[in-house]
Amino acid sequence: MSSTEDEQLAVVKDWWERNGKPLVTGGLLALVIVFGWQAWQKYQTNQSQGASNLYQALLETTLTPTGEPDAAKVAELAGKLKSEFGGTAYAQYASLFVAKVAVDTGKLDDAAAELKGVLDKPADDTLGEIARQRLARVMAAQNKPDDALKLLAGDADKAFQASREELKGDLLVQLGRSDEAHAAYEKAKAALSDDAAVGGLQLKLDDLAKGDA
């Protein structure tokens, strides 16, 4: 082999050391990323389907002769959703369902615990606001309207502004603070466009006016 060939071979070897290995490594990494992503997507789809099926089964617990949920089945399915799919929207909607069943059976402390669990780490803003307003209702039923008002301090997202202000109004009525309740109902009314819902608020405003007369 001539000195020129030796030099060319050395150049190729040097290029390979500096570039060839990283290119192969990078190519393998790209394959790992692609196939890993596909596997993750498949896993996520399977997870979502599994959670969806469990949640559907949970809703079907109301299909009893009385139309009341099977409490034992509710506890079993909700527990499974939380253990297998904890933190997901499905698991948190299950908590909302469990809380509703607890309220219906007069177990307000249990309902509050479920709702606080969602509110502490909501899967999304919508679930967080739903849990917040339902927890405030439970607190009102526990005769804790002041705590419920603190929970509702500030403004909600536009989509929930009307319901939050109406709830504030209800709590203020419970506390005997009519003027503030009137202001909250008016704020709720201004945020609504549904005539039927506005009509319901108007009835509350009329009732306050009668009480002041």
Protein backbone atom coordinates (compact mmCIF):
# COMPACT_ATOMS: atom_id res chain seq x y z
CA MET A 1 0.00 0.00 0.00
CA SER A 2 1.43 3.38 -1.01
CA SER A 3 1.94 6.24 1.39
CA THR A 4 -0.91 8.07 -0.33
CA GLU A 5 -3.25 5.13 0.26
CA ASP A 6 -2.07 4.95 3.86
CA GLU A 7 -2.84 8.62 4.31
CA GLN A 8 -6.31 8.22 2.78
CA LEU A 9 -7.03 5.23 5.02
CA ALA A 10 -5.93 7.22 8.04
CA VAL A 11 -8.24 10.04 7.02
CA VAL A 12 -11.16 7.63 6.65
CA LYS A 13 -10.41 6.03 10.02
CA ASP A 14 -10.16 9.43 11.64
CA TRP A 15 -13.47 10.53 10.08
CA TRP A 16 -15.09 7.31 11.26
CA GLU A 17 -13.85 7.80 14.80
CA ARG A 18 -15.11 11.38 14.87
CA ASN A 19 -18.36 10.98 12.88
CA GLY A 20 -19.22 7.41 12.02
CA LYS A 21 -19.88 6.15 15.54
CA PRO A 22 -21.97 9.15 16.52
CA LEU A 23 -23.99 8.75 13.32
CA VAL A 24 -24.66 5.08 14.01
CA THR A 25 -25.45 5.86 17.65
CA GLY A 26 -27.73 8.68 16.58
CA GLY A 27 -29.49 6.44 14.07
CA LEU A 28 -30.08 3.78 16.69
CA LEU A 29 -31.29 6.43 19.10
CA ALA A 30 -33.72 7.71 16.48
CA LEU A 31 -35.08 4.18 16.00
CA VAL A 32 -35.43 3.75 19.75
CA ILE A 33 -37.29 7.06 19.98
CA VAL A 34 -39.64 6.22 17.09
CA PHE A 35 -40.49 2.73 18.29
CA GLY A 36 -40.54 3.86 21.90
CA TRP A 37 -43.03 6.60 21.05
CA GLN A 38 -45.23 4.14 19.17
CA ALA A 39 -45.15 1.76 22.14
CA TRP A 40 -45.97 4.63 24.50
CA GLN A 41 -48.88 5.72 22.32
CA LYS A 42 -50.20 2.16 22.29
CA TYR A 43 -49.79 1.94 26.07
CA GLN A 44 -51.60 5.24 26.54
CA THR A 45 -54.46 4.09 24.29
CA ASN A 46 -54.77 0.85 26.23
CA GLN A 47 -54.66 2.74 29.53
CA SER A 48 -57.33 5.16 28.38
CA GLN A 49 -59.54 2.33 27.13
CA GLY A 50 -59.16 0.45 30.39
CA ALA A 51 -60.02 3.51 32.45
CA SER A 52 -62.96 4.30 30.18
CA ASN A 53 -64.36 0.79 30.57
CA LEU A 54 -64.07 0.94 34.36
CA TYR A 55 -65.72 4.36 34.48
CA GLN A 56 -68.56 3.14 32.25
CA ALA A 57 -69.06 0.21 34.62
CA LEU A 58 -69.12 2.67 37.52
CA LEU A 59 -71.89 4.70 35.87
CA GLU A 60 -73.83 1.51 35.21
CA THR A 61 -74.05 0.85 38.96
CA THR A 62 -77.14 3.08 38.84
CA LEU A 63 -78.89 0.47 36.69
CA THR A 64 -80.56 -1.18 39.67
CA PRO A 65 -84.31 -1.78 40.15
CA THR A 66 -84.47 1.30 42.39
CA GLY A 67 -82.25 3.43 40.19
CA GLU A 68 -79.88 3.91 43.12
CA PRO A 69 -76.18 3.04 42.74
CA ASP A 70 -74.94 -0.22 44.21
CA ALA A 71 -72.77 1.25 47.01
CA ALA A 72 -70.49 -1.80 47.31
CA LYS A 73 -69.91 -1.88 43.56
CA VAL A 74 -69.26 1.86 43.51
CA ALA A 75 -66.57 1.49 46.17
CA GLU A 76 -64.98 -1.47 44.37
CA LEU A 77 -64.85 0.16 40.92
CA ALA A 78 -63.80 3.58 42.20
CA GLY A 79 -61.02 1.98 44.22
CA LYS A 80 -59.80 0.11 41.17
CA LEU A 81 -59.84 3.26 39.05
CA LYS A 82 -57.82 5.14 41.65
CA SER A 83 -55.27 2.37 42.15
CA GLU A 84 -54.75 1.59 38.45
CA PHE A 85 -55.32 5.00 36.89
CA GLY A 86 -54.70 7.43 39.77
CA GLY A 87 -54.42 11.08 38.78
CA THR A 88 -56.22 10.62 35.46
CA ALA A 89 -59.42 12.44 34.59
CA TYR A 90 -61.34 9.15 34.72
CA ALA A 91 -60.17 8.45 38.27
CA GLN A 92 -61.15 11.97 39.33
CA TYR A 93 -64.56 11.80 37.69
CA ALA A 94 -64.97 8.57 39.66
CA SER A 95 -64.25 10.57 42.83
CA LEU A 96 -66.96 13.06 41.86
CA PHE A 97 -69.37 10.16 41.40
CA VAL A 98 -68.40 8.66 44.77
CA ALA A 99 -68.89 12.07 46.40
CA LYS A 100 -72.38 12.35 44.89
CA VAL A 101 -73.32 8.91 46.24
CA ALA A 102 -71.95 9.93 49.65
CA VAL A 103 -74.05 13.11 49.65
CA ASP A 104 -77.15 11.14 48.64
CA THR A 105 -76.64 8.84 51.62
CA GLY A 106 -75.91 11.68 54.04
CA LYS A 107 -72.19 10.94 54.39
CA LEU A 108 -71.00 14.53 54.01
CA ASP A 109 -67.56 13.98 55.54
CA ASP A 110 -66.85 11.21 53.04
CA ALA A 111 -68.03 13.42 50.19
CA ALA A 112 -65.81 16.28 51.35
CA ALA A 113 -62.78 13.98 51.52
CA GLU A 114 -63.32 12.77 47.95
CA LEU A 115 -63.73 16.29 46.62
CA LYS A 116 -60.69 17.61 48.48
CA GLY A 117 -58.64 14.83 46.91
CA VAL A 118 -59.59 16.05 43.44
CA LEU A 119 -59.16 19.72 44.32
CA ASP A 120 -55.65 19.16 45.70
CA LYS A 121 -54.32 17.85 42.35
CA PRO A 122 -56.93 18.25 39.61
CA ALA A 123 -56.27 16.53 36.30
CA ASP A 124 -57.40 19.74 34.56
CA ASP A 125 -58.92 23.14 35.33
CA THR A 126 -62.47 21.99 34.65
CA LEU A 127 -62.27 19.15 37.16
CA GLY A 128 -60.69 21.50 39.66
CA GLU A 129 -63.53 24.01 39.42
CA ILE A 130 -66.25 21.35 39.53
CA ALA A 131 -64.66 19.85 42.66
CA ARG A 132 -64.31 23.33 44.20
CA GLN A 133 -67.97 24.25 43.72
CA ARG A 134 -69.27 20.86 44.85
CA LEU A 135 -67.06 20.96 47.93
CA ALA A 136 -68.45 24.41 48.74
CA ARG A 137 -71.98 22.96 48.51
CA VAL A 138 -71.01 20.14 50.86
CA MET A 139 -69.49 22.64 53.30
CA ALA A 140 -72.72 24.63 53.20
CA ALA A 141 -74.62 21.46 54.09
CA GLN A 142 -72.16 20.94 56.95
CA ASN A 143 -73.08 24.42 58.16
CA LYS A 144 -69.68 25.84 57.20
CA PRO A 145 -70.70 28.66 54.82
CA ASP A 146 -67.78 30.87 55.85
CA ASP A 147 -65.26 28.18 54.90
CA ALA A 148 -67.14 27.61 51.66
CA LEU A 149 -66.94 31.31 50.78
CA LYS A 150 -63.19 31.30 51.37
CA LEU A 151 -62.93 28.37 48.98
CA LEU A 152 -64.68 30.45 46.31
CA ALA A 153 -62.63 33.62 46.80
CA GLY A 154 -61.64 35.35 43.57
CA ASP A 155 -63.00 34.93 40.07
CA ALA A 156 -63.47 31.69 38.18
CA ASP A 157 -62.80 31.02 34.53
CA LYS A 158 -65.45 32.66 32.34
CA ALA A 159 -67.19 29.35 31.71
CA PHE A 160 -67.76 28.89 35.45
CA GLN A 161 -68.16 32.49 36.54
CA ALA A 162 -71.96 32.46 36.64
CA SER A 163 -72.22 29.24 38.64
CA ARG A 164 -69.54 30.37 41.10
CA GLU A 165 -71.18 33.76 41.68
CA GLU A 166 -74.61 32.15 42.11
CA LEU A 167 -73.11 29.76 44.65
CA LYS A 168 -71.53 32.70 46.48
CA GLY A 169 -74.94 34.32 46.55
CA ASP A 170 -76.51 31.20 48.07
CA LEU A 171 -73.84 31.08 50.77
CA LEU A 172 -74.27 34.77 51.55
CA VAL A 173 -78.02 34.24 51.91
CA GLN A 174 -77.25 31.40 54.33
CA LEU A 175 -75.13 33.86 56.30
CA GLY A 176 -77.85 36.51 56.25
CA ARG A 177 -75.77 38.96 54.18
CA SER A 178 -78.53 39.99 51.77
CA ASP A 179 -76.87 42.98 50.12
CA GLU A 180 -73.76 41.00 49.23
CA ALA A 181 -75.91 38.09 48.05
CA HIS A 182 -77.85 40.46 45.78
CA ALA A 183 -74.59 41.72 44.25
CA ALA A 184 -73.35 38.16 43.67
CA TYR A 185 -76.60 37.13 41.99
CA GLU A 186 -76.48 40.19 39.75
CA LYS A 187 -72.92 39.33 38.77
CA ALA A 188 -73.99 35.78 37.99
CA LYS A 189 -76.94 37.02 35.95
CA ALA A 190 -74.69 39.32 33.90
CA ALA A 191 -72.42 36.34 33.05
CA LEU A 192 -75.31 34.24 31.70
CA SER A 193 -76.91 34.17 28.28
CA ASP A 194 -79.34 31.31 28.87
CA ASP A 195 -82.79 32.80 29.52
CA ALA A 196 -83.96 29.82 31.58
CA ALA A 197 -80.94 30.06 33.87
CA VAL A 198 -81.35 33.83 34.15
CA GLY A 199 -84.96 33.21 35.16
CA GLY A 200 -83.82 31.05 38.05
CA LEU A 201 -81.48 33.77 39.25
CA GLN A 202 -84.23 36.34 38.92
CA LEU A 203 -86.39 34.28 41.27
CA LYS A 204 -83.61 34.37 43.86
CA LEU A 205 -83.26 38.12 43.41
CA ASP A 206 -87.03 38.54 43.79
CA ASP A 207 -86.98 36.45 46.97
CA LEU A 208 -84.28 38.70 48.41
CA ALA A 209 -86.30 41.77 47.50
CA LYS A 210 -89.35 40.33 49.32
CA GLY A 211 -87.23 39.64 52.37
CA ASP A 212 -86.05 43.26 52.43
CA ALA A 213 -89.57 44.64 52.05
